[in-house]
Amino acid sequence: MLNNMSMSIRQMIQERSEKLRDAANLSAHEIADILVELTSLLASLNAEIEESDYWYRVLLDKKLTELGSAAKAKISAQSSDEYKKVMERKAQKEALIELIRACKYAIRAHSEEYQVT
């Protein structure tokens, strides 16, 4: 297993996602630990989204100055690496939010199962 410092947020999300595929064999406590990690990753990802969005807006402003038309600037900027990074991170955020929801559901299911028995 890689050291967390050398792993990207994407890799860390993937690792937690793989653990959750076997949620039926995980305890509520283990799932809660993963939930805490995922929530922390969401905070880090939000910071990355803000950073990449800022650089995209800087590029968009530059393109607007160059091209003189907002529509042309937007089309040109949307074909950039900066835009690609923003969109990738936003997609990661959506996937991460779904994982967090799945954790909460699994914890609730474990809790209800425990109360029944």
N, C-alpha and C. Protein backbone atom coordinates (compact mmCIF):
# COMPACT_ATOMS: atom_id res chain seq x y z
N MET A 1 0.84 -1.18 0.00
CA MET A 1 0.00 0.00 0.00
C MET A 1 0.89 1.24 0.00
N LEU A 2 0.50 2.22 -0.79
CA LEU A 2 1.29 3.44 -0.91
C LEU A 2 1.12 4.31 0.32
N ASN A 3 2.13 5.08 0.59
CA ASN A 3 2.06 6.07 1.66
C ASN A 3 1.06 7.15 1.25
N ASN A 4 0.21 7.60 2.18
CA ASN A 4 -0.81 8.60 1.86
C ASN A 4 -0.23 9.89 1.31
N MET A 5 1.00 10.23 1.70
CA MET A 5 1.61 11.47 1.22
C MET A 5 1.91 11.40 -0.28
N SER A 6 2.16 10.20 -0.80
CA SER A 6 2.50 10.07 -2.21
C SER A 6 1.28 9.74 -3.07
N MET A 7 0.12 9.57 -2.43
CA MET A 7 -1.09 9.25 -3.17
C MET A 7 -1.87 10.52 -3.50
N SER A 8 -2.46 10.52 -4.68
CA SER A 8 -3.33 11.64 -5.03
C SER A 8 -4.68 11.44 -4.36
N ILE A 9 -5.47 12.48 -4.33
CA ILE A 9 -6.81 12.37 -3.75
C ILE A 9 -7.60 11.34 -4.54
N ARG A 10 -7.44 11.33 -5.84
CA ARG A 10 -8.14 10.35 -6.68
C ARG A 10 -7.79 8.93 -6.26
N GLN A 11 -6.52 8.66 -6.01
CA GLN A 11 -6.09 7.33 -5.61
C GLN A 11 -6.64 6.97 -4.22
N MET A 12 -6.66 7.93 -3.32
CA MET A 12 -7.19 7.68 -1.98
C MET A 12 -8.68 7.38 -2.03
N ILE A 13 -9.41 8.11 -2.88
CA ILE A 13 -10.84 7.86 -3.04
C ILE A 13 -11.05 6.46 -3.61
N GLN A 14 -10.25 6.10 -4.60
CA GLN A 14 -10.35 4.77 -5.22
C GLN A 14 -10.09 3.67 -4.19
N GLU A 15 -9.09 3.86 -3.35
CA GLU A 15 -8.76 2.87 -2.33
C GLU A 15 -9.91 2.68 -1.35
N ARG A 16 -10.52 3.78 -0.91
CA ARG A 16 -11.64 3.68 0.03
C ARG A 16 -12.86 3.06 -0.64
N SER A 17 -13.04 3.38 -1.91
CA SER A 17 -14.15 2.82 -2.67
C SER A 17 -14.03 1.31 -2.78
N GLU A 18 -12.82 0.84 -3.01
CA GLU A 18 -12.59 -0.60 -3.09
C GLU A 18 -12.87 -1.29 -1.76
N LYS A 19 -12.50 -0.64 -0.66
CA LYS A 19 -12.81 -1.20 0.67
C LYS A 19 -14.32 -1.30 0.86
N LEU A 20 -15.05 -0.29 0.41
CA LEU A 20 -16.49 -0.25 0.63
C LEU A 20 -17.25 -1.26 -0.22
N ARG A 21 -16.62 -1.78 -1.26
CA ARG A 21 -17.30 -2.79 -2.08
C ARG A 21 -17.62 -4.03 -1.26
N ASP A 22 -16.88 -4.21 -0.19
CA ASP A 22 -17.08 -5.35 0.69
C ASP A 22 -17.75 -4.89 2.00
N ALA A 23 -18.63 -3.92 1.88
CA ALA A 23 -19.26 -3.30 3.06
C ALA A 23 -20.02 -4.30 3.92
N ALA A 24 -20.54 -5.33 3.31
CA ALA A 24 -21.30 -6.32 4.08
C ALA A 24 -20.42 -7.03 5.10
N ASN A 25 -19.13 -7.09 4.83
CA ASN A 25 -18.20 -7.76 5.74
C ASN A 25 -17.45 -6.78 6.64
N LEU A 26 -17.80 -5.52 6.57
CA LEU A 26 -17.17 -4.51 7.41
C LEU A 26 -18.09 -4.19 8.59
N SER A 27 -17.48 -3.88 9.71
CA SER A 27 -18.28 -3.47 10.86
C SER A 27 -18.70 -2.01 10.69
N ALA A 28 -19.69 -1.62 11.47
CA ALA A 28 -20.15 -0.22 11.44
C ALA A 28 -19.00 0.71 11.82
N HIS A 29 -18.16 0.26 12.76
CA HIS A 29 -17.01 1.06 13.19
C HIS A 29 -16.02 1.26 12.04
N GLU A 30 -15.75 0.20 11.28
CA GLU A 30 -14.82 0.31 10.14
C GLU A 30 -15.39 1.25 9.07
N ILE A 31 -16.68 1.14 8.83
CA ILE A 31 -17.31 2.02 7.84
C ILE A 31 -17.28 3.47 8.33
N ALA A 32 -17.50 3.66 9.62
CA ALA A 32 -17.45 5.01 10.18
C ALA A 32 -16.04 5.60 10.03
N ASP A 33 -15.01 4.77 10.21
CA ASP A 33 -13.64 5.25 10.00
C ASP A 33 -13.42 5.69 8.56
N ILE A 34 -13.95 4.90 7.63
CA ILE A 34 -13.83 5.26 6.21
C ILE A 34 -14.61 6.54 5.94
N LEU A 35 -15.76 6.69 6.56
CA LEU A 35 -16.57 7.91 6.39
C LEU A 35 -15.79 9.15 6.84
N VAL A 36 -15.10 9.04 7.95
CA VAL A 36 -14.29 10.17 8.44
C VAL A 36 -13.19 10.49 7.42
N GLU A 37 -12.54 9.46 6.90
CA GLU A 37 -11.49 9.68 5.90
C GLU A 37 -12.05 10.33 4.64
N LEU A 38 -13.21 9.85 4.18
CA LEU A 38 -13.82 10.41 2.98
C LEU A 38 -14.24 11.86 3.18
N THR A 39 -14.74 12.17 4.35
CA THR A 39 -15.14 13.54 4.65
C THR A 39 -13.93 14.47 4.65
N SER A 40 -12.83 13.97 5.18
CA SER A 40 -11.59 14.74 5.17
C SER A 40 -11.10 14.94 3.73
N LEU A 41 -11.21 13.90 2.93
CA LEU A 41 -10.81 14.01 1.52
C LEU A 41 -11.69 15.02 0.79
N LEU A 42 -12.97 15.09 1.15
CA LEU A 42 -13.86 16.05 0.52
C LEU A 42 -13.40 17.48 0.80
N ALA A 43 -12.97 17.74 2.01
CA ALA A 43 -12.46 19.08 2.34
C ALA A 43 -11.22 19.40 1.50
N SER A 44 -10.33 18.43 1.37
CA SER A 44 -9.12 18.64 0.56
C SER A 44 -9.47 18.84 -0.91
N LEU A 45 -10.41 18.05 -1.38
CA LEU A 45 -10.83 18.16 -2.78
C LEU A 45 -11.48 19.50 -3.04
N ASN A 46 -12.28 19.99 -2.10
CA ASN A 46 -12.89 21.32 -2.27
C ASN A 46 -11.82 22.40 -2.41
N ALA A 47 -10.75 22.29 -1.65
CA ALA A 47 -9.65 23.25 -1.76
C ALA A 47 -9.00 23.15 -3.14
N GLU A 48 -8.82 21.94 -3.64
CA GLU A 48 -8.24 21.76 -4.98
C GLU A 48 -9.16 22.32 -6.06
N ILE A 49 -10.46 22.14 -5.88
CA ILE A 49 -11.42 22.68 -6.85
C ILE A 49 -11.32 24.20 -6.88
N GLU A 50 -11.26 24.81 -5.72
CA GLU A 50 -11.14 26.27 -5.66
C GLU A 50 -9.88 26.75 -6.37
N GLU A 51 -8.77 26.05 -6.12
CA GLU A 51 -7.49 26.42 -6.75
C GLU A 51 -7.56 26.28 -8.27
N SER A 52 -8.04 25.14 -8.75
CA SER A 52 -8.07 24.92 -10.19
C SER A 52 -9.10 25.83 -10.86
N ASP A 53 -10.21 26.11 -10.16
CA ASP A 53 -11.21 27.02 -10.71
C ASP A 53 -10.64 28.43 -10.84
N TYR A 54 -9.84 28.83 -9.86
CA TYR A 54 -9.20 30.14 -9.92
C TYR A 54 -8.33 30.24 -11.17
N TRP A 55 -7.48 29.22 -11.41
CA TRP A 55 -6.58 29.27 -12.57
C TRP A 55 -7.35 29.21 -13.89
N TYR A 56 -8.47 28.52 -13.89
CA TYR A 56 -9.32 28.52 -15.09
C TYR A 56 -9.88 29.93 -15.34
N ARG A 57 -10.35 30.60 -14.28
CA ARG A 57 -10.88 31.95 -14.43
C ARG A 57 -9.81 32.94 -14.88
N VAL A 58 -8.57 32.75 -14.40
CA VAL A 58 -7.46 33.60 -14.85
C VAL A 58 -7.26 33.41 -16.36
N LEU A 59 -7.27 32.16 -16.80
CA LEU A 59 -7.12 31.87 -18.23
C LEU A 59 -8.28 32.46 -19.02
N LEU A 60 -9.50 32.32 -18.51
CA LEU A 60 -10.67 32.86 -19.19
C LEU A 60 -10.56 34.37 -19.35
N ASP A 61 -10.09 35.05 -18.32
CA ASP A 61 -9.89 36.50 -18.39
C ASP A 61 -8.85 36.85 -19.45
N LYS A 62 -7.77 36.08 -19.48
CA LYS A 62 -6.72 36.30 -20.49
C LYS A 62 -7.27 36.10 -21.90
N LYS A 63 -8.07 35.05 -22.08
CA LYS A 63 -8.66 34.78 -23.41
C LYS A 63 -9.63 35.88 -23.80
N LEU A 64 -10.38 36.40 -22.83
CA LEU A 64 -11.32 37.48 -23.12
C LEU A 64 -10.57 38.72 -23.60
N THR A 65 -9.45 39.02 -22.95
CA THR A 65 -8.64 40.16 -23.35
C THR A 65 -8.06 39.94 -24.75
N GLU A 66 -7.60 38.72 -25.02
CA GLU A 66 -7.02 38.37 -26.33
C GLU A 66 -8.04 38.42 -27.45
N LEU A 67 -9.19 37.76 -27.21
CA LEU A 67 -10.16 37.53 -28.28
C LEU A 67 -11.25 38.60 -28.36
N GLY A 68 -11.48 39.31 -27.27
CA GLY A 68 -12.45 40.39 -27.28
C GLY A 68 -13.91 39.97 -27.24
N SER A 69 -14.19 38.69 -27.30
CA SER A 69 -15.56 38.20 -27.27
C SER A 69 -15.68 37.16 -26.16
N ALA A 70 -16.70 37.32 -25.33
CA ALA A 70 -16.89 36.39 -24.22
C ALA A 70 -17.16 34.97 -24.72
N ALA A 71 -17.94 34.84 -25.76
CA ALA A 71 -18.26 33.51 -26.30
C ALA A 71 -17.01 32.81 -26.83
N LYS A 72 -16.21 33.55 -27.59
CA LYS A 72 -14.96 32.97 -28.13
C LYS A 72 -13.98 32.63 -27.02
N ALA A 73 -13.91 33.51 -26.02
CA ALA A 73 -13.01 33.28 -24.89
C ALA A 73 -13.42 32.02 -24.13
N LYS A 74 -14.72 31.86 -23.92
CA LYS A 74 -15.22 30.71 -23.18
C LYS A 74 -14.95 29.41 -23.94
N ILE A 75 -15.20 29.41 -25.23
CA ILE A 75 -14.95 28.22 -26.04
C ILE A 75 -13.47 27.88 -26.04
N SER A 76 -12.64 28.88 -26.19
CA SER A 76 -11.19 28.65 -26.19
C SER A 76 -10.70 28.15 -24.84
N ALA A 77 -11.19 28.76 -23.76
CA ALA A 77 -10.76 28.35 -22.42
C ALA A 77 -11.25 26.95 -22.07
N GLN A 78 -12.41 26.57 -22.58
CA GLN A 78 -12.94 25.24 -22.28
C GLN A 78 -12.17 24.12 -22.98
N SER A 79 -11.30 24.46 -23.87
CA SER A 79 -10.47 23.43 -24.51
C SER A 79 -9.08 23.35 -23.86
N SER A 80 -8.93 23.99 -22.70
CA SER A 80 -7.64 24.04 -22.03
C SER A 80 -7.49 22.95 -20.97
N ASP A 81 -6.27 22.73 -20.55
CA ASP A 81 -5.99 21.80 -19.46
C ASP A 81 -6.59 22.29 -18.15
N GLU A 82 -6.62 23.60 -17.95
CA GLU A 82 -7.18 24.16 -16.74
C GLU A 82 -8.66 23.78 -16.59
N TYR A 83 -9.39 23.89 -17.68
CA TYR A 83 -10.81 23.53 -17.66
C TYR A 83 -10.97 22.03 -17.41
N LYS A 84 -10.13 21.24 -18.05
CA LYS A 84 -10.18 19.78 -17.86
C LYS A 84 -9.96 19.42 -16.40
N LYS A 85 -8.99 20.08 -15.76
CA LYS A 85 -8.72 19.82 -14.34
C LYS A 85 -9.92 20.17 -13.46
N VAL A 86 -10.54 21.31 -13.73
CA VAL A 86 -11.71 21.73 -12.95
C VAL A 86 -12.82 20.69 -13.10
N MET A 87 -13.09 20.26 -14.32
CA MET A 87 -14.17 19.32 -14.55
C MET A 87 -13.87 17.95 -13.94
N GLU A 88 -12.62 17.50 -14.03
CA GLU A 88 -12.25 16.22 -13.42
C GLU A 88 -12.45 16.26 -11.91
N ARG A 89 -12.03 17.35 -11.30
CA ARG A 89 -12.16 17.47 -9.84
C ARG A 89 -13.62 17.56 -9.42
N LYS A 90 -14.43 18.23 -10.19
CA LYS A 90 -15.86 18.31 -9.87
C LYS A 90 -16.50 16.93 -10.00
N ALA A 91 -16.10 16.16 -10.99
CA ALA A 91 -16.61 14.79 -11.14
C ALA A 91 -16.16 13.93 -9.96
N GLN A 92 -14.91 14.11 -9.53
CA GLN A 92 -14.42 13.38 -8.35
C GLN A 92 -15.24 13.74 -7.12
N LYS A 93 -15.58 15.01 -7.00
CA LYS A 93 -16.36 15.47 -5.85
C LYS A 93 -17.73 14.80 -5.84
N GLU A 94 -18.38 14.72 -6.99
CA GLU A 94 -19.68 14.06 -7.06
C GLU A 94 -19.58 12.60 -6.65
N ALA A 95 -18.54 11.91 -7.14
CA ALA A 95 -18.34 10.50 -6.79
C ALA A 95 -18.07 10.36 -5.29
N LEU A 96 -17.29 11.28 -4.75
CA LEU A 96 -16.96 11.25 -3.33
C LEU A 96 -18.20 11.47 -2.47
N ILE A 97 -19.05 12.38 -2.87
CA ILE A 97 -20.29 12.62 -2.14
C ILE A 97 -21.16 11.37 -2.14
N GLU A 98 -21.22 10.67 -3.26
CA GLU A 98 -21.99 9.43 -3.32
C GLU A 98 -21.40 8.36 -2.41
N LEU A 99 -20.08 8.28 -2.33
CA LEU A 99 -19.44 7.33 -1.41
C LEU A 99 -19.78 7.67 0.04
N ILE A 100 -19.78 8.95 0.36
CA ILE A 100 -20.13 9.39 1.72
C ILE A 100 -21.57 8.99 2.03
N ARG A 101 -22.46 9.19 1.07
CA ARG A 101 -23.85 8.79 1.27
C ARG A 101 -23.96 7.28 1.47
N ALA A 102 -23.20 6.52 0.69
CA ALA A 102 -23.22 5.07 0.82
C ALA A 102 -22.73 4.63 2.20
N CYS A 103 -21.71 5.30 2.70
CA CYS A 103 -21.21 4.99 4.05
C CYS A 103 -22.29 5.24 5.09
N LYS A 104 -22.94 6.38 5.00
CA LYS A 104 -23.99 6.71 5.96
C LYS A 104 -25.13 5.69 5.90
N TYR A 105 -25.48 5.28 4.69
CA TYR A 105 -26.53 4.27 4.54
C TYR A 105 -26.10 2.94 5.15
N ALA A 106 -24.86 2.53 4.90
CA ALA A 106 -24.35 1.26 5.43
C ALA A 106 -24.31 1.29 6.96
N ILE A 107 -23.89 2.41 7.52
CA ILE A 107 -23.85 2.54 8.99
C ILE A 107 -25.27 2.44 9.56
N ARG A 108 -26.20 3.11 8.90
CA ARG A 108 -27.60 3.07 9.34
C ARG A 108 -28.15 1.64 9.24
N ALA A 109 -27.82 0.94 8.15
CA ALA A 109 -28.28 -0.44 7.97
C ALA A 109 -27.70 -1.35 9.05
N HIS A 110 -26.42 -1.17 9.36
CA HIS A 110 -25.78 -1.95 10.43
C HIS A 110 -26.47 -1.67 11.77
N SER A 111 -26.77 -0.41 12.01
CA SER A 111 -27.40 -0.02 13.26
C SER A 111 -28.80 -0.64 13.39
N GLU A 112 -29.56 -0.59 12.30
CA GLU A 112 -30.90 -1.17 12.32
C GLU A 112 -30.84 -2.68 12.50
N GLU A 113 -29.86 -3.31 11.85
CA GLU A 113 -29.67 -4.76 11.98
C GLU A 113 -29.32 -5.12 13.41
N TYR A 114 -28.49 -4.31 14.03
CA TYR A 114 -28.09 -4.55 15.41
C TYR A 114 -29.29 -4.41 16.36
N GLN A 115 -30.14 -3.42 16.09
CA GLN A 115 -31.30 -3.19 16.95
C GLN A 115 -32.32 -4.32 16.83
N VAL A 116 -32.43 -4.91 15.65
CA VAL A 116 -33.38 -6.00 15.42
C VAL A 116 -32.94 -7.26 16.15
N THR A 117 -31.63 -7.51 16.17
CA THR A 117 -31.14 -8.74 16.80
C THR A 117 -30.97 -8.64 18.28
